[in-house]
Amino acid sequence: MLGKVGILITILVLVLLFYLVISFGAGAFSKDKAKPETKRYLKSVNILLVIIAVVGSILVFFL
């Protein structure tokens, strides 16, 4: 069974993979100029991922 650090690392790796998949899918890493709608979408996704990472960290360290 994973310890607290293993669970935290797993959560952070999954958040990073989710960020990469969403960013590639939205075209954030393409050479074309991103549309304003895409930039707003990616900003919202980044905020959501930060919230998930922070909540996961709090749960791992304090429970």
C-alpha atoms as a PDB file:
ATOM      1  CA  MET A   1       0.000   0.000   0.000  1.00  0.00           C
ATOM      2  CA  LEU A   2       1.167   3.516  -0.755  1.00  0.00           C
ATOM      3  CA  GLY A   3       2.129   5.871   2.023  1.00  0.00           C
ATOM      4  CA  LYS A   4       1.116   9.497   2.231  1.00  0.00           C
ATOM      5  CA  VAL A   5       4.033  10.659   0.078  1.00  0.00           C
ATOM      6  CA  GLY A   6       3.223   8.060  -2.581  1.00  0.00           C
ATOM      7  CA  ILE A   7      -0.378   9.181  -2.703  1.00  0.00           C
ATOM      8  CA  LEU A   8       0.681  12.834  -2.988  1.00  0.00           C
ATOM      9  CA  ILE A   9       3.090  12.040  -5.817  1.00  0.00           C
ATOM     10  CA  THR A  10       0.370  10.063  -7.598  1.00  0.00           C
ATOM     11  CA  ILE A  11      -2.095  12.948  -7.292  1.00  0.00           C
ATOM     12  CA  LEU A  12       0.438  15.471  -8.601  1.00  0.00           C
ATOM     13  CA  VAL A  13       1.489  13.234 -11.509  1.00  0.00           C
ATOM     14  CA  LEU A  14      -2.143  12.717 -12.505  1.00  0.00           C
ATOM     15  CA  VAL A  15      -2.773  16.476 -12.347  1.00  0.00           C
ATOM     16  CA  LEU A  16       0.301  17.081 -14.536  1.00  0.00           C
ATOM     17  CA  LEU A  17      -0.812  14.454 -17.068  1.00  0.00           C
ATOM     18  CA  PHE A  18      -4.316  15.933 -17.135  1.00  0.00           C
ATOM     19  CA  TYR A  19      -2.816  19.392 -17.756  1.00  0.00           C
ATOM     20  CA  LEU A  20      -0.691  18.106 -20.636  1.00  0.00           C
ATOM     21  CA  VAL A  21      -3.568  16.239 -22.280  1.00  0.00           C
ATOM     22  CA  ILE A  22      -5.940  19.198 -22.038  1.00  0.00           C
ATOM     23  CA  SER A  23      -3.275  21.640 -23.261  1.00  0.00           C
ATOM     24  CA  PHE A  24      -2.327  19.506 -26.252  1.00  0.00           C
ATOM     25  CA  GLY A  25      -5.989  18.958 -27.067  1.00  0.00           C
ATOM     26  CA  ALA A  26      -6.726  22.681 -26.911  1.00  0.00           C
ATOM     27  CA  GLY A  27      -3.697  23.504 -29.049  1.00  0.00           C
ATOM     28  CA  ALA A  28      -1.794  25.468 -26.423  1.00  0.00           C
ATOM     29  CA  PHE A  29       1.550  24.157 -27.656  1.00  0.00           C
ATOM     30  CA  SER A  30       0.886  24.740 -31.368  1.00  0.00           C
ATOM     31  CA  LYS A  31       2.691  27.443 -33.296  1.00  0.00           C
ATOM     32  CA  ASP A  32      -0.541  29.136 -34.311  1.00  0.00           C
ATOM     33  CA  LYS A  33      -1.890  32.007 -32.245  1.00  0.00           C
ATOM     34  CA  ALA A  34      -4.392  30.750 -29.668  1.00  0.00           C
ATOM     35  CA  LYS A  35      -7.930  32.103 -29.757  1.00  0.00           C
ATOM     36  CA  PRO A  36      -9.178  34.147 -26.786  1.00  0.00           C
ATOM     37  CA  GLU A  37     -11.775  31.456 -26.006  1.00  0.00           C
ATOM     38  CA  THR A  38      -9.031  28.846 -25.828  1.00  0.00           C
ATOM     39  CA  LYS A  39      -6.931  31.028 -23.535  1.00  0.00           C
ATOM     40  CA  ARG A  40      -9.885  31.516 -21.165  1.00  0.00           C
ATOM     41  CA  TYR A  41     -10.594  27.778 -21.235  1.00  0.00           C
ATOM     42  CA  LEU A  42      -6.979  26.909 -20.411  1.00  0.00           C
ATOM     43  CA  LYS A  43      -6.901  29.501 -17.634  1.00  0.00           C
ATOM     44  CA  SER A  44     -10.022  27.930 -16.106  1.00  0.00           C
ATOM     45  CA  VAL A  45      -8.488  24.461 -16.415  1.00  0.00           C
ATOM     46  CA  ASN A  46      -5.284  25.677 -14.754  1.00  0.00           C
ATOM     47  CA  ILE A  47      -7.251  27.147 -11.846  1.00  0.00           C
ATOM     48  CA  LEU A  48      -9.173  23.888 -11.457  1.00  0.00           C
ATOM     49  CA  LEU A  49      -5.959  21.832 -11.500  1.00  0.00           C
ATOM     50  CA  VAL A  50      -4.332  24.063  -8.889  1.00  0.00           C
ATOM     51  CA  ILE A  51      -7.392  23.668  -6.663  1.00  0.00           C
ATOM     52  CA  ILE A  52      -7.272  19.875  -7.098  1.00  0.00           C
ATOM     53  CA  ALA A  53      -3.543  19.801  -6.268  1.00  0.00           C
ATOM     54  CA  VAL A  54      -3.984  22.007  -3.191  1.00  0.00           C
ATOM     55  CA  VAL A  55      -6.954  20.033  -1.870  1.00  0.00           C
ATOM     56  CA  GLY A  56      -5.123  16.763  -2.505  1.00  0.00           C
ATOM     57  CA  SER A  57      -2.072  18.046  -0.646  1.00  0.00           C
ATOM     58  CA  ILE A  58      -4.169  19.213   2.289  1.00  0.00           C
ATOM     59  CA  LEU A  59      -5.969  15.892   2.490  1.00  0.00           C
ATOM     60  CA  VAL A  60      -2.724  13.912   2.343  1.00  0.00           C
ATOM     61  CA  PHE A  61      -0.896  15.968   4.947  1.00  0.00           C
ATOM     62  CA  PHE A  62      -3.711  16.552   7.447  1.00  0.00           C
ATOM     63  CA  LEU A  63      -5.715  13.317   7.340  1.00  0.00           C
END
